[in-house]
PDB file of N, CA and C in Angstrom:
ATOM      1  N   MET A   1       0.849  -1.162   0.000  1.00  0.00           N
ATOM      2  CA  MET A   1       0.000   0.000   0.000  1.00  0.00           C
ATOM      3  C   MET A   1       0.899   1.231   0.000  1.00  0.00           C
ATOM      4  N   ASN A   2       0.658   2.140  -0.910  1.00  0.00           N
ATOM      5  CA  ASN A   2       1.448   3.352  -0.994  1.00  0.00           C
ATOM      6  C   ASN A   2       0.568   4.545  -0.670  1.00  0.00           C
ATOM      7  N   LEU A   3       0.925   5.307   0.332  1.00  0.00           N
ATOM      8  CA  LEU A   3       0.124   6.445   0.767  1.00  0.00           C
ATOM      9  C   LEU A   3       0.815   7.744   0.383  1.00  0.00           C
ATOM     10  N   ARG A   4       0.918   8.019  -0.897  1.00  0.00           N
ATOM     11  CA  ARG A   4       1.620   9.216  -1.331  1.00  0.00           C
ATOM     12  C   ARG A   4       0.629  10.239  -1.846  1.00  0.00           C
ATOM     13  N   ALA A   5       0.143  11.077  -1.025  1.00  0.00           N
ATOM     14  CA  ALA A   5      -0.736  12.160  -1.462  1.00  0.00           C
ATOM     15  C   ALA A   5       0.140  13.396  -1.615  1.00  0.00           C
ATOM     16  N   GLU A   6      -0.026  14.328  -0.737  1.00  0.00           N
ATOM     17  CA  GLU A   6       0.789  15.534  -0.731  1.00  0.00           C
ATOM     18  C   GLU A   6       1.795  15.484   0.407  1.00  0.00           C
ATOM     19  N   THR A   7       2.161  14.302   0.833  1.00  0.00           N
ATOM     20  CA  THR A   7       3.042  14.175   1.992  1.00  0.00           C
ATOM     21  C   THR A   7       4.481  14.014   1.555  1.00  0.00           C
ATOM     22  N   ASN A   8       5.361  14.369   2.431  1.00  0.00           N
ATOM     23  CA  ASN A   8       6.784  14.183   2.214  1.00  0.00           C
ATOM     24  C   ASN A   8       7.088  12.694   2.346  1.00  0.00           C
ATOM     25  N   PRO A   9       7.722  12.069   1.326  1.00  0.00           N
ATOM     26  CA  PRO A   9       7.993  10.621   1.408  1.00  0.00           C
ATOM     27  C   PRO A   9       8.775  10.211   2.655  1.00  0.00           C
ATOM     28  N   LYS A  10       9.623  11.084   3.169  1.00  0.00           N
ATOM     29  CA  LYS A  10      10.383  10.734   4.369  1.00  0.00           C
ATOM     30  C   LYS A  10       9.499  10.695   5.607  1.00  0.00           C
ATOM     31  N   ALA A  11       8.321  11.337   5.550  1.00  0.00           N
ATOM     32  CA  ALA A  11       7.422  11.371   6.700  1.00  0.00           C
ATOM     33  C   ALA A  11       6.464  10.183   6.717  1.00  0.00           C
ATOM     34  N   LEU A  12       6.443   9.399   5.638  1.00  0.00           N
ATOM     35  CA  LEU A  12       5.520   8.271   5.574  1.00  0.00           C
ATOM     36  C   LEU A  12       5.950   7.175   6.534  1.00  0.00           C
ATOM     37  N   LYS A  13       4.985   6.525   7.115  1.00  0.00           N
ATOM     38  CA  LYS A  13       5.237   5.410   8.023  1.00  0.00           C
ATOM     39  C   LYS A  13       4.651   4.154   7.401  1.00  0.00           C
ATOM     40  N   LYS A  14       5.190   3.025   7.773  1.00  0.00           N
ATOM     41  CA  LYS A  14       4.695   1.758   7.260  1.00  0.00           C
ATOM     42  C   LYS A  14       3.471   1.341   8.060  1.00  0.00           C
ATOM     43  N   ILE A  15       2.433   0.927   7.356  1.00  0.00           N
ATOM     44  CA  ILE A  15       1.222   0.451   8.014  1.00  0.00           C
ATOM     45  C   ILE A  15       1.196  -1.066   7.902  1.00  0.00           C
ATOM     46  N   CYS A  16       0.978  -1.732   9.006  1.00  0.00           N
ATOM     47  CA  CYS A  16       0.904  -3.188   9.022  1.00  0.00           C
ATOM     48  C   CYS A  16      -0.440  -3.594   9.590  1.00  0.00           C
ATOM     49  N   PHE A  17      -1.195  -4.331   8.810  1.00  0.00           N
ATOM     50  CA  PHE A  17      -2.459  -4.878   9.283  1.00  0.00           C
ATOM     51  C   PHE A  17      -2.244  -6.346   9.616  1.00  0.00           C
ATOM     52  N   GLY A  18      -2.820  -6.803  10.699  1.00  0.00           N
ATOM     53  CA  GLY A  18      -2.706  -8.211  11.068  1.00  0.00           C
ATOM     54  C   GLY A  18      -1.329  -8.576  11.562  1.00  0.00           C
ATOM     55  N   GLY A  19      -0.785  -7.774  12.457  1.00  0.00           N
ATOM     56  CA  GLY A  19       0.521  -8.065  13.026  1.00  0.00           C
ATOM     57  C   GLY A  19       0.514  -9.383  13.781  1.00  0.00           C
ATOM     58  N   SER A  20       1.678  -9.802  14.215  1.00  0.00           N
ATOM     59  CA  SER A  20       1.789 -11.092  14.861  1.00  0.00           C
ATOM     60  C   SER A  20       2.781 -11.015  16.008  1.00  0.00           C
ATOM     61  N   ASP A  21       2.528 -11.803  17.045  1.00  0.00           N
ATOM     62  CA  ASP A  21       3.485 -11.925  18.138  1.00  0.00           C
ATOM     63  C   ASP A  21       4.639 -12.842  17.761  1.00  0.00           C
ATOM     64  N   LYS A  22       4.549 -13.479  16.600  1.00  0.00           N
ATOM     65  CA  LYS A  22       5.579 -14.415  16.161  1.00  0.00           C
ATOM     66  C   LYS A  22       6.443 -13.848  15.044  1.00  0.00           C
ATOM     67  N   LYS A  23       6.217 -12.604  14.654  1.00  0.00           N
ATOM     68  CA  LYS A  23       6.975 -11.999  13.559  1.00  0.00           C
ATOM     69  C   LYS A  23       7.506 -10.646  14.009  1.00  0.00           C
ATOM     70  N   PHE A  24       8.796 -10.442  13.800  1.00  0.00           N
ATOM     71  CA  PHE A  24       9.374  -9.143  14.093  1.00  0.00           C
ATOM     72  C   PHE A  24      10.517  -8.881  13.134  1.00  0.00           C
ATOM     73  N   GLY A  25      10.905  -7.620  13.034  1.00  0.00           N
ATOM     74  CA  GLY A  25      11.893  -7.237  12.038  1.00  0.00           C
ATOM     75  C   GLY A  25      13.154  -6.655  12.637  1.00  0.00           C
ATOM     76  N   CYS A  26      14.136  -6.564  11.770  1.00  0.00           N
ATOM     77  CA  CYS A  26      15.435  -6.018  12.126  1.00  0.00           C
ATOM     78  C   CYS A  26      15.818  -5.057  11.002  1.00  0.00           C
ATOM     79  N   GLY A  27      15.798  -3.754  11.282  1.00  0.00           N
ATOM     80  CA  GLY A  27      16.084  -2.743  10.262  1.00  0.00           C
ATOM     81  C   GLY A  27      17.540  -2.746   9.841  1.00  0.00           C
ATOM     82  N   TRP A  28      17.761  -2.590   8.541  1.00  0.00           N
ATOM     83  CA  TRP A  28      19.120  -2.618   8.003  1.00  0.00           C
ATOM     84  C   TRP A  28      19.908  -1.357   8.317  1.00  0.00           C
ATOM     85  N   GLY A  29      19.226  -0.269   8.650  1.00  0.00           N
ATOM     86  CA  GLY A  29      19.900   0.998   8.902  1.00  0.00           C
ATOM     87  C   GLY A  29      20.850   0.968  10.085  1.00  0.00           C
ATOM     88  N   GLN A  30      20.673   0.019  10.971  1.00  0.00           N
ATOM     89  CA  GLN A  30      21.546  -0.065  12.146  1.00  0.00           C
ATOM     90  C   GLN A  30      22.845  -0.808  11.858  1.00  0.00           C
ATOM     91  N   PHE A  31      22.968  -1.361  10.654  1.00  0.00           N
ATOM     92  CA  PHE A  31      24.181  -2.083  10.276  1.00  0.00           C
ATOM     93  C   PHE A  31      25.033  -1.220   9.352  1.00  0.00           C
ATOM     94  N   SER A  32      26.321  -1.414   9.426  1.00  0.00           N
ATOM     95  CA  SER A  32      27.222  -0.738   8.494  1.00  0.00           C
ATOM     96  C   SER A  32      28.101  -1.798   7.856  1.00  0.00           C
ATOM     97  N   GLY A  33      28.381  -1.617   6.605  1.00  0.00           N
ATOM     98  CA  GLY A  33      29.209  -2.595   5.916  1.00  0.00           C
ATOM     99  C   GLY A  33      28.383  -3.685   5.274  1.00  0.00           C
ATOM    100  N   ASP A  34      28.736  -4.925   5.535  1.00  0.00           N
ATOM    101  CA  ASP A  34      28.096  -6.080   4.908  1.00  0.00           C
ATOM    102  C   ASP A  34      26.819  -6.452   5.665  1.00  0.00           C
ATOM    103  N   ILE A  35      25.682  -6.018   5.146  1.00  0.00           N
ATOM    104  CA  ILE A  35      24.394  -6.261   5.809  1.00  0.00           C
ATOM    105  C   ILE A  35      24.085  -7.753   5.860  1.00  0.00           C
ATOM    106  N   ASP A  36      24.380  -8.471   4.774  1.00  0.00           N
ATOM    107  CA  ASP A  36      24.111  -9.915   4.753  1.00  0.00           C
ATOM    108  C   ASP A  36      24.880 -10.639   5.856  1.00  0.00           C
ATOM    109  N   ALA A  37      26.128 -10.273   6.049  1.00  0.00           N
ATOM    110  CA  ALA A  37      26.931 -10.904   7.103  1.00  0.00           C
ATOM    111  C   ALA A  37      26.374 -10.559   8.484  1.00  0.00           C
ATOM    112  N   ASP A  38      25.908  -9.327   8.649  1.00  0.00           N
ATOM    113  CA  ASP A  38      25.336  -8.931   9.939  1.00  0.00           C
ATOM    114  C   ASP A  38      24.038  -9.685  10.223  1.00  0.00           C
ATOM    115  N   ILE A  39      23.193  -9.860   9.201  1.00  0.00           N
ATOM    116  CA  ILE A  39      21.950 -10.621   9.381  1.00  0.00           C
ATOM    117  C   ILE A  39      22.276 -12.081   9.696  1.00  0.00           C
ATOM    118  N   GLU A  40      23.274 -12.645   9.031  1.00  0.00           N
ATOM    119  CA  GLU A  40      23.693 -14.021   9.326  1.00  0.00           C
ATOM    120  C   GLU A  40      24.170 -14.140  10.773  1.00  0.00           C
ATOM    121  N   TYR A  41      24.871 -13.119  11.253  1.00  0.00           N
ATOM    122  CA  TYR A  41      25.327 -13.124  12.644  1.00  0.00           C
ATOM    123  C   TYR A  41      24.134 -13.108  13.598  1.00  0.00           C
ATOM    124  N   VAL A  42      23.138 -12.272  13.297  1.00  0.00           N
ATOM    125  CA  VAL A  42      21.925 -12.225  14.122  1.00  0.00           C
ATOM    126  C   VAL A  42      21.228 -13.581  14.094  1.00  0.00           C
ATOM    127  N   LEU A  43      21.156 -14.197  12.917  1.00  0.00           N
ATOM    128  CA  LEU A  43      20.513 -15.512  12.787  1.00  0.00           C
ATOM    129  C   LEU A  43      21.233 -16.590  13.589  1.00  0.00           C
ATOM    130  N   SER A  44      22.523 -16.423  13.816  1.00  0.00           N
ATOM    131  CA  SER A  44      23.271 -17.438  14.564  1.00  0.00           C
ATOM    132  C   SER A  44      22.791 -17.558  16.012  1.00  0.00           C
ATOM    133  N   PHE A  45      22.064 -16.570  16.509  1.00  0.00           N
ATOM    134  CA  PHE A  45      21.549 -16.609  17.875  1.00  0.00           C
ATOM    135  C   PHE A  45      20.233 -17.376  17.981  1.00  0.00           C
ATOM    136  N   ILE A  46      19.649 -17.757  16.849  1.00  0.00           N
ATOM    137  CA  ILE A  46      18.380 -18.493  16.874  1.00  0.00           C
ATOM    138  C   ILE A  46      18.582 -19.914  17.372  1.00  0.00           C
ATOM    139  N   GLY A  47      19.683 -20.522  17.020  1.00  0.00           N
ATOM    140  CA  GLY A  47      19.937 -21.895  17.443  1.00  0.00           C
ATOM    141  C   GLY A  47      19.416 -22.890  16.429  1.00  0.00           C
ATOM    142  N   ASP A  48      18.893 -24.012  16.914  1.00  0.00           N
ATOM    143  CA  ASP A  48      18.447 -25.103  16.044  1.00  0.00           C
ATOM    144  C   ASP A  48      16.962 -25.035  15.732  1.00  0.00           C
ATOM    145  N   ILE A  49      16.421 -23.845  15.602  1.00  0.00           N
ATOM    146  CA  ILE A  49      14.999 -23.668  15.300  1.00  0.00           C
ATOM    147  C   ILE A  49      14.861 -23.280  13.836  1.00  0.00           C
ATOM    148  N   TYR A  50      13.932 -23.930  13.135  1.00  0.00           N
ATOM    149  CA  TYR A  50      13.643 -23.547  11.756  1.00  0.00           C
ATOM    150  C   TYR A  50      12.853 -22.244  11.776  1.00  0.00           C
ATOM    151  N   THR A  51      13.405 -21.206  11.188  1.00  0.00           N
ATOM    152  CA  THR A  51      12.772 -19.890  11.195  1.00  0.00           C
ATOM    153  C   THR A  51      12.847 -19.270   9.810  1.00  0.00           C
ATOM    154  N   PRO A  52      11.720 -19.152   9.127  1.00  0.00           N
ATOM    155  CA  PRO A  52      11.749 -18.455   7.843  1.00  0.00           C
ATOM    156  C   PRO A  52      12.058 -16.972   8.056  1.00  0.00           C
ATOM    157  N   ILE A  53      12.755 -16.383   7.090  1.00  0.00           N
ATOM    158  CA  ILE A  53      12.990 -14.948   7.135  1.00  0.00           C
ATOM    159  C   ILE A  53      12.454 -14.333   5.852  1.00  0.00           C
ATOM    160  N   GLN A  54      12.125 -13.061   5.933  1.00  0.00           N
ATOM    161  CA  GLN A  54      11.567 -12.344   4.794  1.00  0.00           C
ATOM    162  C   GLN A  54      12.310 -11.015   4.686  1.00  0.00           C
ATOM    163  N   ASP A  55      12.966 -10.787   3.551  1.00  0.00           N
ATOM    164  CA  ASP A  55      13.654  -9.521   3.318  1.00  0.00           C
ATOM    165  C   ASP A  55      12.721  -8.568   2.594  1.00  0.00           C
ATOM    166  N   ASP A  56      12.616  -7.355   3.093  1.00  0.00           N
ATOM    167  CA  ASP A  56      11.796  -6.315   2.477  1.00  0.00           C
ATOM    168  C   ASP A  56      12.738  -5.195   2.052  1.00  0.00           C
ATOM    169  N   ALA A  57      13.075  -5.165   0.744  1.00  0.00           N
ATOM    170  CA  ALA A  57      14.027  -4.184   0.237  1.00  0.00           C
ATOM    171  C   ALA A  57      13.479  -2.767   0.298  1.00  0.00           C
ATOM    172  N   VAL A  58      12.170  -2.611   0.198  1.00  0.00           N
ATOM    173  CA  VAL A  58      11.571  -1.275   0.260  1.00  0.00           C
ATOM    174  C   VAL A  58      11.683  -0.716   1.676  1.00  0.00           C
ATOM    175  N   ALA A  59      11.313  -1.518   2.669  1.00  0.00           N
ATOM    176  CA  ALA A  59      11.386  -1.079   4.067  1.00  0.00           C
ATOM    177  C   ALA A  59      12.791  -1.228   4.642  1.00  0.00           C
ATOM    178  N   LYS A  60      13.685  -1.889   3.892  1.00  0.00           N
ATOM    179  CA  LYS A  60      15.053  -2.159   4.340  1.00  0.00           C
ATOM    180  C   LYS A  60      15.048  -2.831   5.709  1.00  0.00           C
ATOM    181  N   THR A  61      14.294  -3.928   5.758  1.00  0.00           N
ATOM    182  CA  THR A  61      14.106  -4.676   6.998  1.00  0.00           C
ATOM    183  C   THR A  61      14.081  -6.168   6.695  1.00  0.00           C
ATOM    184  N   THR A  62      14.657  -6.967   7.567  1.00  0.00           N
ATOM    185  CA  THR A  62      14.535  -8.419   7.499  1.00  0.00           C
ATOM    186  C   THR A  62      13.595  -8.848   8.611  1.00  0.00           C
ATOM    187  N   TYR A  63      12.575  -9.636   8.242  1.00  0.00           N
ATOM    188  CA  TYR A  63      11.590 -10.112   9.214  1.00  0.00           C
ATOM    189  C   TYR A  63      11.879 -11.563   9.564  1.00  0.00           C
ATOM    190  N   PHE A  64      11.808 -11.877  10.849  1.00  0.00           N
ATOM    191  CA  PHE A  64      11.981 -13.229  11.359  1.00  0.00           C
ATOM    192  C   PHE A  64      10.606 -13.743  11.753  1.00  0.00           C
ATOM    193  N   ILE A  65      10.257 -14.934  11.301  1.00  0.00           N
ATOM    194  CA  ILE A  65       8.932 -15.497  11.559  1.00  0.00           C
ATOM    195  C   ILE A  65       9.108 -16.791  12.352  1.00  0.00           C
ATOM    196  N   PHE A  66       8.552 -16.825  13.539  1.00  0.00           N
ATOM    197  CA  PHE A  66       8.645 -17.995  14.404  1.00  0.00           C
ATOM    198  C   PHE A  66       7.309 -18.721  14.436  1.00  0.00           C
ATOM    199  N   TYR A  67       7.339 -20.002  14.742  1.00  0.00           N
ATOM    200  CA  TYR A  67       6.110 -20.792  14.829  1.00  0.00           C
ATOM    201  C   TYR A  67       5.517 -20.791  16.228  1.00  0.00           C
ATOM    202  N   LYS A  68       6.332 -20.481  17.224  1.00  0.00           N
ATOM    203  CA  LYS A  68       5.849 -20.442  18.607  1.00  0.00           C
ATOM    204  C   LYS A  68       6.192 -19.088  19.214  1.00  0.00           C
ATOM    205  N   VAL A  69       5.242 -18.520  19.922  1.00  0.00           N
ATOM    206  CA  VAL A  69       5.438 -17.217  20.558  1.00  0.00           C
ATOM    207  C   VAL A  69       6.606 -17.266  21.537  1.00  0.00           C
ATOM    208  N   GLU A  70       6.726 -18.364  22.269  1.00  0.00           N
ATOM    209  CA  GLU A  70       7.795 -18.491  23.258  1.00  0.00           C
ATOM    210  C   GLU A  70       9.173 -18.381  22.605  1.00  0.00           C
ATOM    211  N   GLN A  71       9.329 -18.993  21.420  1.00  0.00           N
ATOM    212  CA  GLN A  71      10.604 -18.924  20.708  1.00  0.00           C
ATOM    213  C   GLN A  71      10.910 -17.493  20.281  1.00  0.00           C
ATOM    214  N   ALA A  72       9.893 -16.801  19.788  1.00  0.00           N
ATOM    215  CA  ALA A  72      10.076 -15.421  19.344  1.00  0.00           C
ATOM    216  C   ALA A  72      10.464 -14.511  20.504  1.00  0.00           C
ATOM    217  N   ILE A  73       9.780 -14.670  21.626  1.00  0.00           N
ATOM    218  CA  ILE A  73      10.067 -13.829  22.793  1.00  0.00           C
ATOM    219  C   ILE A  73      11.473 -14.099  23.312  1.00  0.00           C
ATOM    220  N   LYS A  74      11.854 -15.366  23.366  1.00  0.00           N
ATOM    221  CA  LYS A  74      13.189 -15.722  23.853  1.00  0.00           C
ATOM    222  C   LYS A  74      14.268 -15.111  22.962  1.00  0.00           C
ATOM    223  N   PHE A  75      14.084 -15.209  21.647  1.00  0.00           N
ATOM    224  CA  PHE A  75      15.076 -14.654  20.727  1.00  0.00           C
ATOM    225  C   PHE A  75      15.108 -13.128  20.799  1.00  0.00           C
ATOM    226  N   MET A  76      13.941 -12.519  20.894  1.00  0.00           N
ATOM    227  CA  MET A  76      13.872 -11.064  20.921  1.00  0.00           C
ATOM    228  C   MET A  76      14.518 -10.492  22.184  1.00  0.00           C
ATOM    229  N   LYS A  77      14.483 -11.240  23.273  1.00  0.00           N
ATOM    230  CA  LYS A  77      15.077 -10.776  24.531  1.00  0.00           C
ATOM    231  C   LYS A  77      16.578 -11.056  24.609  1.00  0.00           C
ATOM    232  N   THR A  78      17.106 -11.812  23.656  1.00  0.00           N
ATOM    233  CA  THR A  78      18.530 -12.124  23.652  1.00  0.00           C
ATOM    234  C   THR A  78      19.318 -10.882  23.254  1.00  0.00           C
ATOM    235  N   PRO A  79      20.242 -10.422  24.095  1.00  0.00           N
ATOM    236  CA  PRO A  79      21.033  -9.247  23.717  1.00  0.00           C
ATOM    237  C   PRO A  79      22.052  -9.605  22.634  1.00  0.00           C
ATOM    238  N   ILE A  80      21.950  -8.929  21.506  1.00  0.00           N
ATOM    239  CA  ILE A  80      22.859  -9.157  20.382  1.00  0.00           C
ATOM    240  C   ILE A  80      23.558  -7.834  20.088  1.00  0.00           C
ATOM    241  N   PHE A  81      24.885  -7.873  20.017  1.00  0.00           N
ATOM    242  CA  PHE A  81      25.665  -6.662  19.767  1.00  0.00           C
ATOM    243  C   PHE A  81      26.503  -6.840  18.510  1.00  0.00           C
ATOM    244  N   ILE A  82      26.506  -5.808  17.680  1.00  0.00           N
ATOM    245  CA  ILE A  82      27.367  -5.753  16.502  1.00  0.00           C
ATOM    246  C   ILE A  82      28.119  -4.432  16.578  1.00  0.00           C
ATOM    247  N   ASN A  83      29.442  -4.505  16.561  1.00  0.00           N
ATOM    248  CA  ASN A  83      30.293  -3.316  16.702  1.00  0.00           C
ATOM    249  C   ASN A  83      29.929  -2.512  17.954  1.00  0.00           C
ATOM    250  N   LYS A  84      29.726  -3.213  19.055  1.00  0.00           N
ATOM    251  CA  LYS A  84      29.416  -2.628  20.367  1.00  0.00           C
ATOM    252  C   LYS A  84      28.075  -1.901  20.410  1.00  0.00           C
ATOM    253  N   ARG A  85      27.217  -2.133  19.416  1.00  0.00           N
ATOM    254  CA  ARG A  85      25.871  -1.541  19.412  1.00  0.00           C
ATOM    255  C   ARG A  85      24.848  -2.660  19.492  1.00  0.00           C
ATOM    256  N   LYS A  86      23.861  -2.479  20.379  1.00  0.00           N
ATOM    257  CA  LYS A  86      22.810  -3.483  20.540  1.00  0.00           C
ATOM    258  C   LYS A  86      21.901  -3.464  19.314  1.00  0.00           C
ATOM    259  N   VAL A  87      21.576  -4.639  18.808  1.00  0.00           N
ATOM    260  CA  VAL A  87      20.677  -4.770  17.661  1.00  0.00           C
ATOM    261  C   VAL A  87      19.245  -4.553  18.142  1.00  0.00           C
ATOM    262  N   ASP A  88      18.528  -3.657  17.477  1.00  0.00           N
ATOM    263  CA  ASP A  88      17.139  -3.361  17.822  1.00  0.00           C
ATOM    264  C   ASP A  88      16.201  -4.130  16.905  1.00  0.00           C
ATOM    265  N   PHE A  89      15.095  -4.608  17.471  1.00  0.00           N
ATOM    266  CA  PHE A  89      14.090  -5.331  16.707  1.00  0.00           C
ATOM    267  C   PHE A  89      12.791  -4.535  16.674  1.00  0.00           C
ATOM    268  N   ILE A  90      12.040  -4.714  15.599  1.00  0.00           N
ATOM    269  CA  ILE A  90      10.748  -4.064  15.414  1.00  0.00           C
ATOM    270  C   ILE A  90       9.682  -5.128  15.566  1.00  0.00           C
ATOM    271  N   ARG A  91       8.805  -4.956  16.529  1.00  0.00           N
ATOM    272  CA  ARG A  91       7.728  -5.930  16.731  1.00  0.00           C
ATOM    273  C   ARG A  91       6.458  -5.388  16.114  1.00  0.00           C
ATOM    274  N   GLN A  92       5.782  -6.222  15.353  1.00  0.00           N
ATOM    275  CA  GLN A  92       4.525  -5.823  14.731  1.00  0.00           C
ATOM    276  C   GLN A  92       3.393  -6.178  15.670  1.00  0.00           C
ATOM    277  N   GLN A  93       2.640  -5.187  16.063  1.00  0.00           N
ATOM    278  CA  GLN A  93       1.548  -5.380  17.005  1.00  0.00           C
ATOM    279  C   GLN A  93       0.260  -5.713  16.273  1.00  0.00           C
ATOM    280  N   SER A  94      -0.505  -6.614  16.834  1.00  0.00           N
ATOM    281  CA  SER A  94      -1.852  -6.870  16.333  1.00  0.00           C
ATOM    282  C   SER A  94      -2.745  -5.733  16.797  1.00  0.00           C
ATOM    283  N   TRP A  95      -3.629  -5.283  15.908  1.00  0.00           N
ATOM    284  CA  TRP A  95      -4.529  -4.193  16.260  1.00  0.00           C
ATOM    285  C   TRP A  95      -5.743  -4.772  16.943  1.00  0.00           C
ATOM    286  N   LYS A  96      -5.982  -4.337  18.165  1.00  0.00           N
ATOM    287  CA  LYS A  96      -7.132  -4.805  18.930  1.00  0.00           C
ATOM    288  C   LYS A  96      -7.808  -3.588  19.534  1.00  0.00           C
ATOM    289  N   GLY A  97      -9.108  -3.619  19.581  1.00  0.00           N
ATOM    290  CA  GLY A  97      -9.820  -2.527  20.226  1.00  0.00           C
ATOM    291  C   GLY A  97     -10.509  -1.610  19.240  1.00  0.00           C
ATOM    292  N   GLU A  98     -10.860  -0.451  19.736  1.00  0.00           N
ATOM    293  CA  GLU A  98     -11.609   0.524  18.959  1.00  0.00           C
ATOM    294  C   GLU A  98     -10.683   1.315  18.039  1.00  0.00           C
ATOM    295  N   PRO A  99     -11.208   1.773  16.897  1.00  0.00           N
ATOM    296  CA  PRO A  99     -10.400   2.637  16.028  1.00  0.00           C
ATOM    297  C   PRO A  99     -10.040   3.935  16.750  1.00  0.00           C
ATOM    298  N   ARG A 100      -8.878   4.437  16.447  1.00  0.00           N
ATOM    299  CA  ARG A 100      -8.427   5.682  17.053  1.00  0.00           C
ATOM    300  C   ARG A 100      -8.073   6.667  15.951  1.00  0.00           C
ATOM    301  N   SER A 101      -8.240   7.947  16.237  1.00  0.00           N
ATOM    302  CA  SER A 101      -7.858   8.942  15.246  1.00  0.00           C
ATOM    303  C   SER A 101      -6.359   9.169  15.343  1.00  0.00           C
ATOM    304  N   SER A 102      -5.761   9.566  14.238  1.00  0.00           N
ATOM    305  CA  SER A 102      -4.329   9.776  14.199  1.00  0.00           C
ATOM    306  C   SER A 102      -4.036  11.151  13.636  1.00  0.00           C
ATOM    307  N   GLN A 103      -2.982  11.763  14.118  1.00  0.00           N
ATOM    308  CA  GLN A 103      -2.583  13.074  13.625  1.00  0.00           C
ATOM    309  C   GLN A 103      -1.544  12.968  12.514  1.00  0.00           C
ATOM    310  N   SER A 104      -1.186  11.763  12.129  1.00  0.00           N
ATOM    311  CA  SER A 104      -0.170  11.569  11.102  1.00  0.00           C
ATOM    312  C   SER A 104      -0.672  12.065   9.755  1.00  0.00           C
ATOM    313  N   GLN A 105       0.155  12.820   9.059  1.00  0.00           N
ATOM    314  CA  GLN A 105      -0.214  13.325   7.735  1.00  0.00           C
ATOM    315  C   GLN A 105      -0.472  12.171   6.776  1.00  0.00           C
ATOM    316  N   ALA A 106       0.326  11.118   6.871  1.00  0.00           N
ATOM    317  CA  ALA A 106       0.185   9.996   5.949  1.00  0.00           C
ATOM    318  C   ALA A 106      -1.138   9.270   6.141  1.00  0.00           C
ATOM    319  N   LEU A 107      -1.684   9.288   7.343  1.00  0.00           N
ATOM    320  CA  LEU A 107      -2.924   8.568   7.609  1.00  0.00           C
ATOM    321  C   LEU A 107      -4.167   9.403   7.348  1.00  0.00           C
ATOM    322  N   LYS A 108      -4.030  10.707   7.256  1.00  0.00           N
ATOM    323  CA  LYS A 108      -5.190  11.562   7.051  1.00  0.00           C
ATOM    324  C   LYS A 108      -5.889  11.274   5.731  1.00  0.00           C
ATOM    325  N   ILE A 109      -5.157  10.824   4.721  1.00  0.00           N
ATOM    326  CA  ILE A 109      -5.784  10.594   3.421  1.00  0.00           C
ATOM    327  C   ILE A 109      -6.685   9.365   3.433  1.00  0.00           C
ATOM    328  N   LEU A 110      -6.612   8.539   4.475  1.00  0.00           N
ATOM    329  CA  LEU A 110      -7.469   7.365   4.564  1.00  0.00           C
ATOM    330  C   LEU A 110      -8.872   7.710   5.048  1.00  0.00           C
ATOM    331  N   ALA A 111      -8.998   8.827   5.746  1.00  0.00           N
ATOM    332  CA  ALA A 111     -10.294   9.209   6.303  1.00  0.00           C
ATOM    333  C   ALA A 111     -11.185   9.790   5.210  1.00  0.00           C
ATOM    334  N   PRO A 112     -12.483   9.451   5.207  1.00  0.00           N
ATOM    335  CA  PRO A 112     -13.385  10.019   4.212  1.00  0.00           C
ATOM    336  C   PRO A 112     -13.491  11.528   4.388  1.00  0.00           C
ATOM    337  N   GLN A 113     -13.579  12.210   3.281  1.00  0.00           N
ATOM    338  CA  GLN A 113     -13.672  13.682   3.299  1.00  0.00           C
ATOM    339  C   GLN A 113     -15.099  14.133   3.465  1.00  0.00           C
TER     340      GLN A 113
END
């Protein structure tokens, strides 16, 4: 979904519908140099669990998909450091509850006029 009305492309945020407690991402912007090698290093902390990954070149993020919530939580809580910097993960939240209004410019175009 592309939300490009009159907004600045740098101000756009990614919208995720149907998030999961078993899927989270790792943004490439926190790595310098060989991103593939850094992702492989992060993957080495998973252990002997089969975990599909999904690379999103547009969002510049690699998503890790686990089959059990417990495995995902355990991996996400594992401190991983690359070049003395802690690797940050992005967790996709499931939307629950009532709709809320947003002040984001990118989301305003979704509301009926």
